[in-house]
Amino acid sequence: MRLVLEQGVQDIQEKQMSELIKFEVGQTYYTRSFGNWDVVYRFKVVKRTEKTVWLETFHYKTPQARRVDRSLGLAERISPLGRYAFSPVLDATEDKPLKHDPRAV
């Protein structure tokens, strides 16, 4: 009985992973600052593996690797500047420039 339940859980997880919206190489993604809504961050994906995404931004001189979080929703997420209180979170669905973007950083 337990084996059947575990197989069912694995099937559900595999289905969710196949429908997951993923970060694409060459695509630019945008997110806002939690502390100041006027600040818009811009990150470009330059490389990726199944579990890691390399981002290019003016914050770093070289592309930085970030682990992909797949635990929430139907899209991949990452913390592009690290994990800390009020750190920006980048979602794979945020590939459109945000409105009122005069000074995207």
N, C-alpha and C. Protein backbone atom coordinates (compact mmCIF):
# COMPACT_ATOMS: atom_id res chain seq x y z
N MET A 1 0.83 -1.20 0.00
CA MET A 1 0.00 0.00 0.00
C MET A 1 0.87 1.27 0.00
N ARG A 2 1.91 1.26 0.83
CA ARG A 2 2.79 2.43 0.90
C ARG A 2 3.49 2.68 -0.42
N LEU A 3 3.92 1.61 -1.09
CA LEU A 3 4.59 1.72 -2.38
C LEU A 3 3.66 2.37 -3.41
N VAL A 4 2.39 2.01 -3.37
CA VAL A 4 1.42 2.59 -4.30
C VAL A 4 1.27 4.09 -4.04
N LEU A 5 1.20 4.49 -2.77
CA LEU A 5 1.09 5.91 -2.42
C LEU A 5 2.32 6.68 -2.86
N GLU A 6 3.50 6.11 -2.62
CA GLU A 6 4.74 6.79 -3.02
C GLU A 6 4.80 6.95 -4.53
N GLN A 7 4.35 5.94 -5.27
CA GLN A 7 4.34 6.03 -6.73
C GLN A 7 3.38 7.12 -7.20
N GLY A 8 2.22 7.22 -6.53
CA GLY A 8 1.25 8.27 -6.86
C GLY A 8 1.82 9.65 -6.63
N VAL A 9 2.54 9.83 -5.52
CA VAL A 9 3.16 11.12 -5.22
C VAL A 9 4.22 11.45 -6.26
N GLN A 10 5.02 10.45 -6.64
CA GLN A 10 6.05 10.67 -7.66
C GLN A 10 5.42 11.07 -9.00
N ASP A 11 4.31 10.44 -9.36
CA ASP A 11 3.63 10.76 -10.61
C ASP A 11 3.13 12.21 -10.60
N ILE A 12 2.57 12.64 -9.48
CA ILE A 12 2.08 14.01 -9.36
C ILE A 12 3.23 15.00 -9.46
N GLN A 13 4.35 14.70 -8.78
CA GLN A 13 5.50 15.59 -8.82
C GLN A 13 6.08 15.69 -10.23
N GLU A 14 6.17 14.57 -10.94
CA GLU A 14 6.68 14.59 -12.31
C GLU A 14 5.78 15.40 -13.22
N LYS A 15 4.46 15.28 -13.05
CA LYS A 15 3.53 16.05 -13.86
C LYS A 15 3.68 17.55 -13.58
N GLN A 16 3.82 17.91 -12.31
CA GLN A 16 3.98 19.32 -11.96
C GLN A 16 5.28 19.86 -12.56
N MET A 17 6.35 19.09 -12.53
CA MET A 17 7.64 19.54 -13.06
C MET A 17 7.57 19.72 -14.58
N SER A 18 6.82 18.88 -15.27
CA SER A 18 6.73 19.00 -16.73
C SER A 18 5.93 20.24 -17.13
N GLU A 19 5.00 20.69 -16.29
CA GLU A 19 4.18 21.86 -16.59
C GLU A 19 4.76 23.15 -16.01
N LEU A 20 5.87 23.05 -15.32
CA LEU A 20 6.49 24.18 -14.65
C LEU A 20 7.04 25.19 -15.65
N ILE A 21 6.78 26.48 -15.41
CA ILE A 21 7.36 27.54 -16.24
C ILE A 21 8.79 27.74 -15.78
N LYS A 22 9.74 27.63 -16.71
CA LYS A 22 11.15 27.66 -16.37
C LYS A 22 11.83 28.92 -16.90
N PHE A 23 12.95 29.27 -16.27
CA PHE A 23 13.79 30.36 -16.75
C PHE A 23 14.44 29.93 -18.05
N GLU A 24 14.52 30.85 -19.02
CA GLU A 24 15.10 30.55 -20.32
C GLU A 24 16.38 31.36 -20.54
N VAL A 25 17.39 30.71 -21.11
CA VAL A 25 18.66 31.38 -21.40
C VAL A 25 18.44 32.48 -22.42
N GLY A 26 19.05 33.64 -22.17
CA GLY A 26 18.93 34.78 -23.06
C GLY A 26 17.76 35.70 -22.73
N GLN A 27 16.87 35.26 -21.89
CA GLN A 27 15.69 36.04 -21.51
C GLN A 27 16.03 36.99 -20.36
N THR A 28 15.44 38.17 -20.35
CA THR A 28 15.60 39.13 -19.27
C THR A 28 14.35 39.12 -18.41
N TYR A 29 14.55 39.10 -17.09
CA TYR A 29 13.44 39.06 -16.14
C TYR A 29 13.50 40.27 -15.23
N TYR A 30 12.35 40.69 -14.75
CA TYR A 30 12.23 41.90 -13.95
C TYR A 30 11.51 41.60 -12.63
N THR A 31 11.87 42.31 -11.60
CA THR A 31 11.15 42.25 -10.33
C THR A 31 11.32 43.58 -9.61
N ARG A 32 10.50 43.82 -8.62
CA ARG A 32 10.53 45.07 -7.86
C ARG A 32 11.16 44.86 -6.49
N SER A 33 11.62 45.94 -5.91
CA SER A 33 12.15 45.92 -4.55
C SER A 33 10.97 45.92 -3.58
N PHE A 34 11.08 45.15 -2.50
CA PHE A 34 10.02 45.14 -1.48
C PHE A 34 10.03 46.44 -0.68
N GLY A 35 11.20 47.01 -0.48
CA GLY A 35 11.32 48.21 0.34
C GLY A 35 10.95 49.49 -0.39
N ASN A 36 11.21 49.53 -1.71
CA ASN A 36 10.92 50.73 -2.50
C ASN A 36 10.33 50.28 -3.83
N TRP A 37 9.04 50.40 -3.98
CA TRP A 37 8.32 49.87 -5.15
C TRP A 37 8.76 50.53 -6.45
N ASP A 38 9.38 51.69 -6.37
CA ASP A 38 9.84 52.38 -7.57
C ASP A 38 11.10 51.73 -8.16
N VAL A 39 11.81 50.95 -7.38
CA VAL A 39 13.04 50.31 -7.86
C VAL A 39 12.69 49.01 -8.58
N VAL A 40 13.14 48.90 -9.82
CA VAL A 40 12.89 47.71 -10.63
C VAL A 40 14.23 47.06 -10.94
N TYR A 41 14.38 45.79 -10.59
CA TYR A 41 15.61 45.05 -10.87
C TYR A 41 15.46 44.32 -12.20
N ARG A 42 16.58 44.24 -12.94
CA ARG A 42 16.59 43.56 -14.23
C ARG A 42 17.71 42.52 -14.21
N PHE A 43 17.39 41.29 -14.57
CA PHE A 43 18.36 40.20 -14.58
C PHE A 43 18.24 39.44 -15.89
N LYS A 44 19.39 39.09 -16.46
CA LYS A 44 19.42 38.31 -17.70
C LYS A 44 19.99 36.93 -17.40
N VAL A 45 19.32 35.89 -17.86
CA VAL A 45 19.78 34.51 -17.68
C VAL A 45 20.80 34.22 -18.78
N VAL A 46 22.04 33.89 -18.37
CA VAL A 46 23.10 33.64 -19.35
C VAL A 46 23.43 32.15 -19.48
N LYS A 47 23.03 31.38 -18.48
CA LYS A 47 23.31 29.95 -18.49
C LYS A 47 22.38 29.28 -17.50
N ARG A 48 22.10 28.00 -17.73
CA ARG A 48 21.29 27.29 -16.74
C ARG A 48 21.50 25.79 -16.83
N THR A 49 21.27 25.13 -15.72
CA THR A 49 21.20 23.69 -15.66
C THR A 49 19.82 23.37 -15.09
N GLU A 50 19.55 22.15 -14.78
CA GLU A 50 18.24 21.78 -14.25
C GLU A 50 17.94 22.46 -12.92
N LYS A 51 18.96 22.64 -12.07
CA LYS A 51 18.73 23.18 -10.73
C LYS A 51 19.38 24.53 -10.46
N THR A 52 20.12 25.07 -11.43
CA THR A 52 20.87 26.31 -11.21
C THR A 52 20.69 27.25 -12.39
N VAL A 53 20.62 28.55 -12.08
CA VAL A 53 20.52 29.59 -13.11
C VAL A 53 21.64 30.59 -12.87
N TRP A 54 22.35 31.01 -13.94
CA TRP A 54 23.39 32.04 -13.84
C TRP A 54 22.79 33.35 -14.34
N LEU A 55 22.88 34.38 -13.51
CA LEU A 55 22.29 35.68 -13.82
C LEU A 55 23.35 36.74 -14.04
N GLU A 56 23.07 37.60 -14.99
CA GLU A 56 23.94 38.74 -15.28
C GLU A 56 23.18 40.00 -14.90
N THR A 57 23.82 40.87 -14.14
CA THR A 57 23.23 42.14 -13.73
C THR A 57 24.36 43.10 -13.39
N PHE A 58 24.05 44.36 -13.25
CA PHE A 58 25.11 45.33 -12.95
C PHE A 58 25.59 45.19 -11.50
N HIS A 59 24.88 44.45 -10.67
CA HIS A 59 25.28 44.27 -9.26
C HIS A 59 26.58 43.45 -9.14
N TYR A 60 26.86 42.60 -10.13
CA TYR A 60 28.03 41.72 -10.09
C TYR A 60 28.84 41.88 -11.37
N LYS A 61 30.16 41.71 -11.26
CA LYS A 61 31.03 41.82 -12.43
C LYS A 61 30.95 40.57 -13.31
N THR A 62 30.71 39.43 -12.69
CA THR A 62 30.59 38.18 -13.43
C THR A 62 29.21 37.57 -13.15
N PRO A 63 28.70 36.72 -14.04
CA PRO A 63 27.40 36.08 -13.79
C PRO A 63 27.42 35.27 -12.48
N GLN A 64 26.35 35.35 -11.74
CA GLN A 64 26.24 34.67 -10.45
C GLN A 64 25.27 33.50 -10.55
N ALA A 65 25.65 32.37 -9.97
CA ALA A 65 24.80 31.18 -9.96
C ALA A 65 23.82 31.26 -8.80
N ARG A 66 22.58 30.90 -9.07
CA ARG A 66 21.54 30.86 -8.04
C ARG A 66 20.75 29.56 -8.19
N ARG A 67 20.43 28.95 -7.05
CA ARG A 67 19.64 27.72 -7.05
C ARG A 67 18.18 28.02 -7.34
N VAL A 68 17.54 27.15 -8.10
CA VAL A 68 16.14 27.32 -8.46
C VAL A 68 15.26 26.72 -7.37
N ASP A 69 14.22 27.47 -6.99
CA ASP A 69 13.23 26.99 -6.02
C ASP A 69 11.97 26.63 -6.79
N ARG A 70 11.54 25.38 -6.65
CA ARG A 70 10.36 24.91 -7.36
C ARG A 70 9.23 24.56 -6.41
N SER A 71 9.32 24.99 -5.18
CA SER A 71 8.37 24.55 -4.17
C SER A 71 7.03 25.28 -4.21
N LEU A 72 6.99 26.45 -4.82
CA LEU A 72 5.76 27.25 -4.82
C LEU A 72 5.22 27.45 -6.22
N GLY A 73 3.95 27.25 -6.40
CA GLY A 73 3.27 27.61 -7.64
C GLY A 73 3.68 26.80 -8.85
N LEU A 74 3.47 27.38 -10.02
CA LEU A 74 3.72 26.70 -11.28
C LEU A 74 4.90 27.28 -12.04
N ALA A 75 5.71 28.09 -11.36
CA ALA A 75 6.88 28.70 -12.02
C ALA A 75 8.09 28.61 -11.10
N GLU A 76 9.27 28.53 -11.73
CA GLU A 76 10.50 28.54 -10.95
C GLU A 76 10.71 29.90 -10.32
N ARG A 77 11.39 29.92 -9.17
CA ARG A 77 11.72 31.17 -8.47
C ARG A 77 13.16 31.11 -8.01
N ILE A 78 13.78 32.29 -7.91
CA ILE A 78 15.12 32.38 -7.34
C ILE A 78 15.23 33.68 -6.55
N SER A 79 16.22 33.71 -5.68
CA SER A 79 16.56 34.94 -4.94
C SER A 79 17.85 35.47 -5.57
N PRO A 80 17.74 36.40 -6.52
CA PRO A 80 18.91 36.80 -7.32
C PRO A 80 20.00 37.53 -6.55
N LEU A 81 19.67 38.20 -5.47
CA LEU A 81 20.68 38.94 -4.71
C LEU A 81 20.99 38.25 -3.39
N GLY A 82 20.57 37.01 -3.22
CA GLY A 82 20.76 36.28 -1.97
C GLY A 82 19.50 36.28 -1.14
N ARG A 83 19.52 35.51 -0.07
CA ARG A 83 18.35 35.42 0.79
C ARG A 83 18.57 36.23 2.05
N TYR A 84 17.75 37.24 2.23
CA TYR A 84 17.77 38.08 3.42
C TYR A 84 16.40 38.74 3.53
N ALA A 85 16.13 39.41 4.63
CA ALA A 85 14.85 40.06 4.81
C ALA A 85 14.60 41.06 3.69
N PHE A 86 13.46 41.00 3.06
CA PHE A 86 13.06 41.89 1.98
C PHE A 86 13.92 41.75 0.72
N SER A 87 14.57 40.62 0.54
CA SER A 87 15.34 40.42 -0.69
C SER A 87 14.38 40.22 -1.86
N PRO A 88 14.76 40.68 -3.05
CA PRO A 88 13.88 40.48 -4.20
C PRO A 88 13.81 39.00 -4.58
N VAL A 89 12.67 38.60 -5.06
CA VAL A 89 12.45 37.23 -5.53
C VAL A 89 12.06 37.32 -7.00
N LEU A 90 12.75 36.55 -7.83
CA LEU A 90 12.52 36.58 -9.26
C LEU A 90 11.73 35.34 -9.66
N ASP A 91 10.65 35.55 -10.39
CA ASP A 91 9.75 34.49 -10.82
C ASP A 91 9.91 34.30 -12.33
N ALA A 92 9.83 33.07 -12.82
CA ALA A 92 10.02 32.81 -14.25
C ALA A 92 8.92 33.40 -15.12
N THR A 93 7.84 33.87 -14.53
CA THR A 93 6.77 34.50 -15.31
C THR A 93 6.99 35.99 -15.48
N GLU A 94 8.01 36.56 -14.84
CA GLU A 94 8.25 38.00 -14.86
C GLU A 94 9.21 38.42 -15.97
N ASP A 95 8.88 38.04 -17.20
CA ASP A 95 9.77 38.33 -18.32
C ASP A 95 9.32 39.54 -19.13
N LYS A 96 8.31 40.25 -18.68
CA LYS A 96 7.86 41.46 -19.36
C LYS A 96 8.35 42.68 -18.57
N PRO A 97 8.82 43.72 -19.28
CA PRO A 97 9.23 44.94 -18.55
C PRO A 97 8.05 45.48 -17.74
N LEU A 98 8.33 45.93 -16.54
CA LEU A 98 7.29 46.44 -15.67
C LEU A 98 6.92 47.87 -16.05
N LYS A 99 5.69 48.23 -15.85
CA LYS A 99 5.23 49.59 -16.13
C LYS A 99 5.96 50.57 -15.23
N HIS A 100 6.10 51.79 -15.67
CA HIS A 100 6.80 52.84 -14.94
C HIS A 100 8.23 52.39 -14.63
N ASP A 101 8.97 52.07 -15.67
CA ASP A 101 10.31 51.50 -15.55
C ASP A 101 11.36 52.51 -16.05
N PRO A 102 11.35 53.76 -15.56
CA PRO A 102 12.30 54.73 -16.09
C PRO A 102 13.73 54.48 -15.65
N ARG A 103 13.94 53.79 -14.56
CA ARG A 103 15.30 53.59 -14.06
C ARG A 103 15.51 52.18 -13.56
N ALA A 104 15.24 51.20 -14.42
CA ALA A 104 15.47 49.81 -14.05
C ALA A 104 16.94 49.61 -13.76
N VAL A 105 17.25 48.96 -12.65
CA VAL A 105 18.65 48.76 -12.26
C VAL A 105 19.08 47.34 -12.52
